[in-house]
Amino acid sequence: MHSSYSGKNIVSKAVKRLCTYSFEVLELNKFSIFADVENIGSNKVAIKIGFKLVGIKL
């Protein structure tokens, strides 16, 4: 995403909507996010919408 759009909650809202759709429409019971531990932005998004870190794959 271009830097002029960062900090506007666009990605957080999109991921949250994707989760809602996945659980309510597709009836999934689990949703996982895989992000590089060094990708601070992606990790912030995951934490912001309620995801918890369960492990790190080396």
N, C-alpha and C. Protein backbone atom coordinates (compact mmCIF):
# COMPACT_ATOMS: atom_id res chain seq x y z
N MET A 1 0.84 -1.16 0.00
CA MET A 1 0.00 0.00 0.00
C MET A 1 0.89 1.23 0.00
N HIS A 2 0.51 2.22 -0.74
CA HIS A 2 1.28 3.45 -0.81
C HIS A 2 1.29 4.13 0.55
N SER A 3 2.41 4.73 0.90
CA SER A 3 2.58 5.34 2.22
C SER A 3 1.55 6.43 2.52
N SER A 4 1.01 7.07 1.50
CA SER A 4 0.02 8.13 1.74
C SER A 4 -1.30 7.57 2.29
N TYR A 5 -1.49 6.25 2.19
CA TYR A 5 -2.70 5.62 2.70
C TYR A 5 -2.49 4.93 4.04
N SER A 6 -1.25 4.84 4.50
CA SER A 6 -1.00 4.16 5.76
C SER A 6 -1.54 4.98 6.93
N GLY A 7 -1.90 4.27 7.99
CA GLY A 7 -2.43 4.93 9.17
C GLY A 7 -3.90 5.31 9.08
N LYS A 8 -4.59 4.85 8.05
CA LYS A 8 -6.00 5.20 7.86
C LYS A 8 -6.93 4.02 8.16
N ASN A 9 -6.38 2.96 8.75
CA ASN A 9 -7.14 1.76 9.13
C ASN A 9 -7.74 1.01 7.95
N ILE A 10 -7.26 1.22 6.75
CA ILE A 10 -7.81 0.56 5.57
C ILE A 10 -7.58 -0.95 5.65
N VAL A 11 -6.36 -1.36 5.95
CA VAL A 11 -6.05 -2.79 6.01
C VAL A 11 -6.76 -3.44 7.18
N SER A 12 -6.78 -2.79 8.33
CA SER A 12 -7.47 -3.34 9.50
C SER A 12 -8.95 -3.59 9.20
N LYS A 13 -9.60 -2.62 8.57
CA LYS A 13 -11.02 -2.77 8.23
C LYS A 13 -11.22 -3.89 7.22
N ALA A 14 -10.33 -4.00 6.25
CA ALA A 14 -10.45 -5.04 5.23
C ALA A 14 -10.28 -6.43 5.84
N VAL A 15 -9.30 -6.59 6.70
CA VAL A 15 -9.06 -7.90 7.33
C VAL A 15 -10.21 -8.25 8.26
N LYS A 16 -10.71 -7.28 9.00
CA LYS A 16 -11.84 -7.53 9.90
C LYS A 16 -13.07 -7.96 9.11
N ARG A 17 -13.30 -7.31 7.98
CA ARG A 17 -14.45 -7.67 7.13
C ARG A 17 -14.27 -9.07 6.55
N LEU A 18 -13.05 -9.39 6.16
CA LEU A 18 -12.75 -10.73 5.63
C LEU A 18 -13.01 -11.79 6.70
N CYS A 19 -12.63 -11.51 7.93
CA CYS A 19 -12.89 -12.44 9.04
C CYS A 19 -14.38 -12.62 9.26
N THR A 20 -15.11 -11.53 9.28
CA THR A 20 -16.57 -11.59 9.46
C THR A 20 -17.20 -12.43 8.37
N TYR A 21 -16.84 -12.19 7.13
CA TYR A 21 -17.37 -12.96 6.00
C TYR A 21 -17.02 -14.44 6.14
N SER A 22 -15.78 -14.71 6.52
CA SER A 22 -15.32 -16.09 6.63
C SER A 22 -16.11 -16.87 7.68
N PHE A 23 -16.40 -16.24 8.81
CA PHE A 23 -17.13 -16.92 9.87
C PHE A 23 -18.64 -16.96 9.62
N GLU A 24 -19.20 -15.86 9.18
CA GLU A 24 -20.65 -15.78 9.03
C GLU A 24 -21.18 -16.40 7.74
N VAL A 25 -20.50 -16.19 6.64
CA VAL A 25 -20.99 -16.68 5.35
C VAL A 25 -20.40 -18.06 5.01
N LEU A 26 -19.09 -18.17 5.13
CA LEU A 26 -18.43 -19.43 4.78
C LEU A 26 -18.48 -20.45 5.93
N GLU A 27 -18.87 -19.98 7.11
CA GLU A 27 -18.99 -20.81 8.30
C GLU A 27 -17.69 -21.51 8.68
N LEU A 28 -16.58 -20.79 8.50
CA LEU A 28 -15.29 -21.31 8.95
C LEU A 28 -15.24 -21.21 10.47
N ASN A 29 -14.39 -22.03 11.08
CA ASN A 29 -14.26 -21.96 12.53
C ASN A 29 -12.87 -21.54 12.98
N LYS A 30 -12.00 -21.24 12.01
CA LYS A 30 -10.65 -20.80 12.34
C LYS A 30 -10.12 -19.93 11.21
N PHE A 31 -9.37 -18.92 11.58
CA PHE A 31 -8.78 -18.01 10.60
C PHE A 31 -7.38 -17.69 11.09
N SER A 32 -6.39 -17.90 10.25
CA SER A 32 -5.00 -17.67 10.64
C SER A 32 -4.36 -16.61 9.76
N ILE A 33 -3.47 -15.85 10.36
CA ILE A 33 -2.68 -14.87 9.63
C ILE A 33 -1.23 -15.27 9.76
N PHE A 34 -0.54 -15.34 8.64
CA PHE A 34 0.88 -15.63 8.64
C PHE A 34 1.61 -14.38 8.18
N ALA A 35 2.44 -13.83 9.05
CA ALA A 35 3.18 -12.61 8.73
C ALA A 35 4.61 -12.75 9.22
N ASP A 36 5.52 -12.18 8.48
CA ASP A 36 6.92 -12.17 8.90
C ASP A 36 7.04 -11.44 10.23
N VAL A 37 7.80 -11.98 11.16
CA VAL A 37 7.94 -11.34 12.47
C VAL A 37 8.54 -9.95 12.38
N GLU A 38 9.24 -9.67 11.31
CA GLU A 38 9.86 -8.36 11.12
C GLU A 38 8.93 -7.37 10.42
N ASN A 39 7.77 -7.84 9.97
CA ASN A 39 6.81 -6.97 9.31
C ASN A 39 5.92 -6.34 10.38
N ILE A 40 6.38 -5.24 10.92
CA ILE A 40 5.72 -4.58 12.04
C ILE A 40 4.28 -4.19 11.70
N GLY A 41 4.06 -3.66 10.52
CA GLY A 41 2.72 -3.22 10.12
C GLY A 41 1.71 -4.36 10.11
N SER A 42 2.09 -5.48 9.52
CA SER A 42 1.18 -6.63 9.47
C SER A 42 0.89 -7.17 10.85
N ASN A 43 1.89 -7.21 11.69
CA ASN A 43 1.69 -7.70 13.05
C ASN A 43 0.81 -6.75 13.86
N LYS A 44 0.95 -5.44 13.65
CA LYS A 44 0.09 -4.48 14.33
C LYS A 44 -1.37 -4.65 13.92
N VAL A 45 -1.60 -4.88 12.64
CA VAL A 45 -2.95 -5.09 12.15
C VAL A 45 -3.56 -6.32 12.83
N ALA A 46 -2.83 -7.41 12.85
CA ALA A 46 -3.34 -8.65 13.45
C ALA A 46 -3.69 -8.45 14.92
N ILE A 47 -2.81 -7.82 15.65
CA ILE A 47 -3.05 -7.59 17.08
C ILE A 47 -4.23 -6.64 17.29
N LYS A 48 -4.31 -5.60 16.45
CA LYS A 48 -5.36 -4.59 16.58
C LYS A 48 -6.75 -5.20 16.45
N ILE A 49 -6.90 -6.18 15.57
CA ILE A 49 -8.24 -6.75 15.37
C ILE A 49 -8.48 -8.00 16.21
N GLY A 50 -7.54 -8.31 17.10
CA GLY A 50 -7.81 -9.36 18.08
C GLY A 50 -7.09 -10.68 17.90
N PHE A 51 -6.21 -10.79 16.94
CA PHE A 51 -5.46 -12.02 16.77
C PHE A 51 -4.41 -12.13 17.86
N LYS A 52 -4.06 -13.37 18.21
CA LYS A 52 -3.04 -13.63 19.20
C LYS A 52 -1.90 -14.41 18.56
N LEU A 53 -0.67 -14.10 18.94
CA LEU A 53 0.48 -14.84 18.46
C LEU A 53 0.50 -16.21 19.12
N VAL A 54 0.50 -17.26 18.30
CA VAL A 54 0.53 -18.61 18.86
C VAL A 54 1.83 -19.33 18.58
N GLY A 55 2.66 -18.76 17.72
CA GLY A 55 3.96 -19.39 17.46
C GLY A 55 4.71 -18.70 16.35
N ILE A 56 5.97 -19.07 16.27
CA ILE A 56 6.85 -18.55 15.23
C ILE A 56 7.48 -19.74 14.53
N LYS A 57 7.36 -19.76 13.21
CA LYS A 57 7.93 -20.83 12.40
C LYS A 57 9.31 -20.39 11.94
N LEU A 58 10.30 -21.17 12.27
CA LEU A 58 11.68 -20.84 11.89
C LEU A 58 12.05 -21.45 10.57
